[in-house]
């Protein structure tokens, strides 16, 4: 997670959008050095909430990129369809 993601998660919990106890599990994992580490796991609701944060420039930019890629892909398929028809 980036610093921006950490801030978004904190904002999601402080605003009451999601309840921390409902979406976070802390599990103990064993690393290759045989040490045990407590790791936070977020459920899908938390991941989606971070991805859709409207006040995040990065999320907005990612949405613009997705739209551009979709438009580009649609155009490529349209052109391929024309070529295939000939």
N, C-alpha and C. Protein backbone atom coordinates (compact mmCIF):
# COMPACT_ATOMS: atom_id res chain seq x y z
N UNK A 1 0.84 -1.18 0.00
CA UNK A 1 0.00 0.00 0.00
C UNK A 1 0.88 1.24 0.00
N UNK A 2 0.44 2.22 -0.77
CA UNK A 2 1.17 3.48 -0.80
C UNK A 2 0.71 4.36 0.35
N UNK A 3 1.41 5.46 0.56
CA UNK A 3 1.03 6.41 1.60
C UNK A 3 -0.38 6.94 1.32
N UNK A 4 -0.67 7.20 0.05
CA UNK A 4 -2.01 7.68 -0.32
C UNK A 4 -3.07 6.66 0.05
N UNK A 5 -2.79 5.39 -0.19
CA UNK A 5 -3.74 4.33 0.17
C UNK A 5 -3.96 4.29 1.68
N UNK A 6 -2.87 4.42 2.44
CA UNK A 6 -2.99 4.41 3.90
C UNK A 6 -3.88 5.56 4.38
N UNK A 7 -3.69 6.74 3.78
CA UNK A 7 -4.52 7.89 4.15
C UNK A 7 -5.97 7.64 3.78
N UNK A 8 -6.20 7.06 2.60
CA UNK A 8 -7.57 6.76 2.18
C UNK A 8 -8.23 5.77 3.14
N UNK A 9 -7.50 4.73 3.56
CA UNK A 9 -8.05 3.75 4.50
C UNK A 9 -8.38 4.45 5.81
N UNK A 10 -7.49 5.29 6.30
CA UNK A 10 -7.75 6.02 7.55
C UNK A 10 -8.99 6.90 7.42
N UNK A 11 -9.11 7.59 6.27
CA UNK A 11 -10.28 8.45 6.04
C UNK A 11 -11.57 7.63 5.96
N UNK A 12 -11.49 6.48 5.35
CA UNK A 12 -12.67 5.61 5.23
C UNK A 12 -13.17 5.20 6.61
N UNK A 13 -12.24 4.87 7.50
CA UNK A 13 -12.63 4.47 8.85
C UNK A 13 -13.09 5.67 9.69
N UNK A 14 -12.36 6.80 9.60
CA UNK A 14 -12.71 7.96 10.44
C UNK A 14 -14.03 8.60 10.00
N UNK A 15 -14.36 8.49 8.71
CA UNK A 15 -15.63 9.06 8.23
C UNK A 15 -16.81 8.16 8.54
N UNK A 16 -16.54 6.92 8.95
CA UNK A 16 -17.61 5.99 9.25
C UNK A 16 -18.13 5.26 8.02
N UNK A 17 -17.45 5.44 6.88
CA UNK A 17 -17.87 4.76 5.66
C UNK A 17 -17.84 3.24 5.86
N UNK A 18 -16.81 2.76 6.54
CA UNK A 18 -16.70 1.35 6.88
C UNK A 18 -16.26 1.22 8.33
N UNK A 19 -16.63 0.12 8.95
CA UNK A 19 -16.23 -0.17 10.31
C UNK A 19 -14.96 -1.04 10.28
N UNK A 20 -13.91 -0.55 10.93
CA UNK A 20 -12.62 -1.23 10.92
C UNK A 20 -12.74 -2.70 11.35
N UNK A 21 -13.51 -2.96 12.39
CA UNK A 21 -13.64 -4.33 12.90
C UNK A 21 -14.34 -5.26 11.91
N UNK A 22 -15.13 -4.68 11.01
CA UNK A 22 -15.87 -5.50 10.04
C UNK A 22 -15.05 -5.86 8.81
N UNK A 23 -14.03 -5.05 8.49
CA UNK A 23 -13.33 -5.26 7.22
C UNK A 23 -11.85 -5.63 7.36
N UNK A 24 -11.33 -5.61 8.59
CA UNK A 24 -9.91 -5.92 8.78
C UNK A 24 -9.76 -7.16 9.66
N UNK A 25 -8.92 -8.07 9.19
CA UNK A 25 -8.55 -9.24 10.00
C UNK A 25 -7.05 -9.18 10.22
N UNK A 26 -6.62 -9.46 11.44
CA UNK A 26 -5.20 -9.51 11.73
C UNK A 26 -4.84 -10.97 11.94
N UNK A 27 -4.00 -11.48 11.04
CA UNK A 27 -3.61 -12.87 11.09
C UNK A 27 -2.10 -12.97 11.30
N UNK A 28 -1.70 -14.03 11.93
CA UNK A 28 -0.28 -14.27 12.15
C UNK A 28 0.25 -15.12 10.99
N UNK A 29 1.30 -14.63 10.35
CA UNK A 29 1.90 -15.38 9.25
C UNK A 29 3.35 -15.70 9.62
N UNK A 30 3.82 -16.81 9.11
CA UNK A 30 5.20 -17.22 9.37
C UNK A 30 6.03 -16.96 8.12
N UNK A 31 7.11 -16.21 8.31
CA UNK A 31 7.99 -15.86 7.19
C UNK A 31 9.03 -16.96 6.99
N UNK A 32 9.81 -16.80 5.94
CA UNK A 32 10.82 -17.81 5.63
C UNK A 32 11.89 -17.91 6.72
N UNK A 33 12.02 -16.86 7.55
CA UNK A 33 12.98 -16.90 8.66
C UNK A 33 12.38 -17.54 9.92
N UNK A 34 11.19 -18.15 9.78
CA UNK A 34 10.45 -18.81 10.85
C UNK A 34 9.97 -17.85 11.95
N UNK A 35 10.02 -16.55 11.69
CA UNK A 35 9.45 -15.58 12.63
C UNK A 35 7.99 -15.39 12.28
N UNK A 36 7.19 -15.11 13.30
CA UNK A 36 5.77 -14.88 13.09
C UNK A 36 5.49 -13.38 13.10
N UNK A 37 4.72 -12.95 12.12
CA UNK A 37 4.38 -11.54 11.97
C UNK A 37 2.87 -11.39 11.91
N UNK A 38 2.37 -10.35 12.58
CA UNK A 38 0.95 -10.04 12.50
C UNK A 38 0.75 -9.19 11.24
N UNK A 39 -0.18 -9.64 10.40
CA UNK A 39 -0.43 -8.98 9.13
C UNK A 39 -1.90 -8.61 9.03
N UNK A 40 -2.17 -7.37 8.57
CA UNK A 40 -3.56 -6.94 8.38
C UNK A 40 -4.02 -7.38 7.00
N UNK A 41 -5.19 -7.98 6.97
CA UNK A 41 -5.83 -8.36 5.71
C UNK A 41 -7.15 -7.60 5.63
N UNK A 42 -7.37 -6.94 4.50
CA UNK A 42 -8.58 -6.16 4.29
C UNK A 42 -9.53 -6.95 3.40
N UNK A 43 -10.83 -6.91 3.71
CA UNK A 43 -11.78 -7.62 2.87
C UNK A 43 -12.06 -6.80 1.60
N UNK A 44 -12.85 -7.36 0.71
CA UNK A 44 -13.10 -6.74 -0.58
C UNK A 44 -13.77 -5.38 -0.46
N UNK A 45 -14.65 -5.19 0.52
CA UNK A 45 -15.30 -3.89 0.71
C UNK A 45 -14.27 -2.78 0.91
N UNK A 46 -13.26 -3.04 1.73
CA UNK A 46 -12.23 -2.04 1.99
C UNK A 46 -11.40 -1.76 0.73
N UNK A 47 -11.07 -2.81 0.00
CA UNK A 47 -10.27 -2.64 -1.21
C UNK A 47 -11.03 -1.81 -2.25
N UNK A 48 -12.31 -2.11 -2.41
CA UNK A 48 -13.13 -1.36 -3.37
C UNK A 48 -13.28 0.09 -2.92
N UNK A 49 -13.47 0.32 -1.63
CA UNK A 49 -13.62 1.69 -1.13
C UNK A 49 -12.37 2.51 -1.40
N UNK A 50 -11.20 1.93 -1.22
CA UNK A 50 -9.96 2.65 -1.51
C UNK A 50 -9.86 2.94 -3.00
N UNK A 51 -10.23 1.97 -3.82
CA UNK A 51 -10.14 2.15 -5.27
C UNK A 51 -11.05 3.23 -5.81
N UNK A 52 -12.17 3.48 -5.13
CA UNK A 52 -13.15 4.44 -5.61
C UNK A 52 -13.16 5.76 -4.86
N UNK A 53 -12.12 6.04 -4.12
CA UNK A 53 -12.08 7.31 -3.39
C UNK A 53 -12.10 8.47 -4.39
N UNK A 54 -13.13 9.27 -4.32
CA UNK A 54 -13.30 10.36 -5.29
C UNK A 54 -12.30 11.49 -5.08
N UNK A 55 -11.80 11.66 -3.87
CA UNK A 55 -10.89 12.76 -3.62
C UNK A 55 -9.43 12.39 -3.88
N UNK A 56 -9.20 11.25 -4.47
CA UNK A 56 -7.84 10.82 -4.74
C UNK A 56 -7.50 11.08 -6.21
N UNK A 57 -6.50 11.93 -6.45
CA UNK A 57 -6.09 12.22 -7.82
C UNK A 57 -5.65 10.95 -8.53
N UNK A 58 -4.94 10.09 -7.81
CA UNK A 58 -4.45 8.85 -8.41
C UNK A 58 -5.62 7.97 -8.86
N UNK A 59 -6.65 7.89 -8.05
CA UNK A 59 -7.83 7.10 -8.42
C UNK A 59 -8.53 7.72 -9.62
N UNK A 60 -8.61 9.06 -9.64
CA UNK A 60 -9.21 9.75 -10.77
C UNK A 60 -8.40 9.50 -12.03
N UNK A 61 -7.09 9.60 -11.91
CA UNK A 61 -6.20 9.38 -13.06
C UNK A 61 -6.33 7.94 -13.54
N UNK A 62 -6.40 7.00 -12.64
CA UNK A 62 -6.56 5.60 -13.01
C UNK A 62 -7.86 5.40 -13.78
N UNK A 63 -8.93 6.07 -13.34
CA UNK A 63 -10.21 5.98 -14.04
C UNK A 63 -10.09 6.55 -15.44
N UNK A 64 -9.39 7.67 -15.59
CA UNK A 64 -9.18 8.25 -16.92
C UNK A 64 -8.40 7.28 -17.80
N UNK A 65 -7.38 6.65 -17.24
CA UNK A 65 -6.59 5.69 -18.00
C UNK A 65 -7.45 4.51 -18.44
N UNK A 66 -8.31 4.02 -17.54
CA UNK A 66 -9.20 2.91 -17.89
C UNK A 66 -10.13 3.28 -19.03
N UNK A 67 -10.68 4.50 -18.96
CA UNK A 67 -11.57 4.95 -20.03
C UNK A 67 -10.82 5.06 -21.35
N UNK A 68 -9.61 5.60 -21.31
CA UNK A 68 -8.81 5.74 -22.52
C UNK A 68 -8.51 4.36 -23.12
N UNK A 69 -8.11 3.43 -22.26
CA UNK A 69 -7.78 2.08 -22.73
C UNK A 69 -9.03 1.41 -23.31
N UNK A 70 -10.18 1.59 -22.67
CA UNK A 70 -11.42 1.01 -23.19
C UNK A 70 -11.76 1.60 -24.55
N UNK A 71 -11.64 2.93 -24.68
CA UNK A 71 -11.91 3.58 -25.96
C UNK A 71 -10.95 3.08 -27.04
N UNK A 72 -9.68 2.99 -26.67
CA UNK A 72 -8.67 2.52 -27.62
C UNK A 72 -8.95 1.08 -28.04
N UNK A 73 -9.28 0.24 -27.08
CA UNK A 73 -9.57 -1.16 -27.37
C UNK A 73 -10.80 -1.28 -28.28
N UNK A 74 -11.83 -0.47 -27.99
CA UNK A 74 -13.02 -0.46 -28.82
C UNK A 74 -12.68 -0.07 -30.26
N UNK A 75 -11.83 0.96 -30.41
CA UNK A 75 -11.44 1.43 -31.74
C UNK A 75 -10.63 0.36 -32.47
N UNK A 76 -9.71 -0.29 -31.78
CA UNK A 76 -8.91 -1.36 -32.40
C UNK A 76 -9.83 -2.48 -32.88
N UNK A 77 -10.78 -2.87 -32.05
CA UNK A 77 -11.72 -3.93 -32.43
C UNK A 77 -12.60 -3.51 -33.60
N UNK A 78 -12.98 -2.23 -33.64
CA UNK A 78 -13.77 -1.73 -34.77
C UNK A 78 -12.96 -1.82 -36.06
N UNK A 79 -11.69 -1.40 -36.00
CA UNK A 79 -10.82 -1.46 -37.18
C UNK A 79 -10.58 -2.90 -37.59
N UNK A 80 -10.32 -3.78 -36.60
CA UNK A 80 -10.11 -5.20 -36.92
C UNK A 80 -11.34 -5.79 -37.58
N UNK A 81 -12.52 -5.36 -37.13
CA UNK A 81 -13.76 -5.84 -37.71
C UNK A 81 -13.88 -5.44 -39.16
N UNK A 82 -13.44 -4.23 -39.48
CA UNK A 82 -13.46 -3.77 -40.86
C UNK A 82 -12.51 -4.60 -41.72
N UNK A 83 -11.33 -4.87 -41.18
CA UNK A 83 -10.34 -5.65 -41.92
C UNK A 83 -10.84 -7.07 -42.12
N UNK A 84 -11.43 -7.64 -41.05
CA UNK A 84 -11.95 -9.02 -41.15
C UNK A 84 -13.09 -9.13 -42.15
N UNK A 85 -13.88 -8.03 -42.29
CA UNK A 85 -15.01 -8.06 -43.22
C UNK A 85 -14.59 -8.07 -44.68
N UNK A 86 -13.41 -7.58 -44.96
CA UNK A 86 -12.97 -7.47 -46.37
C UNK A 86 -12.49 -8.78 -46.93
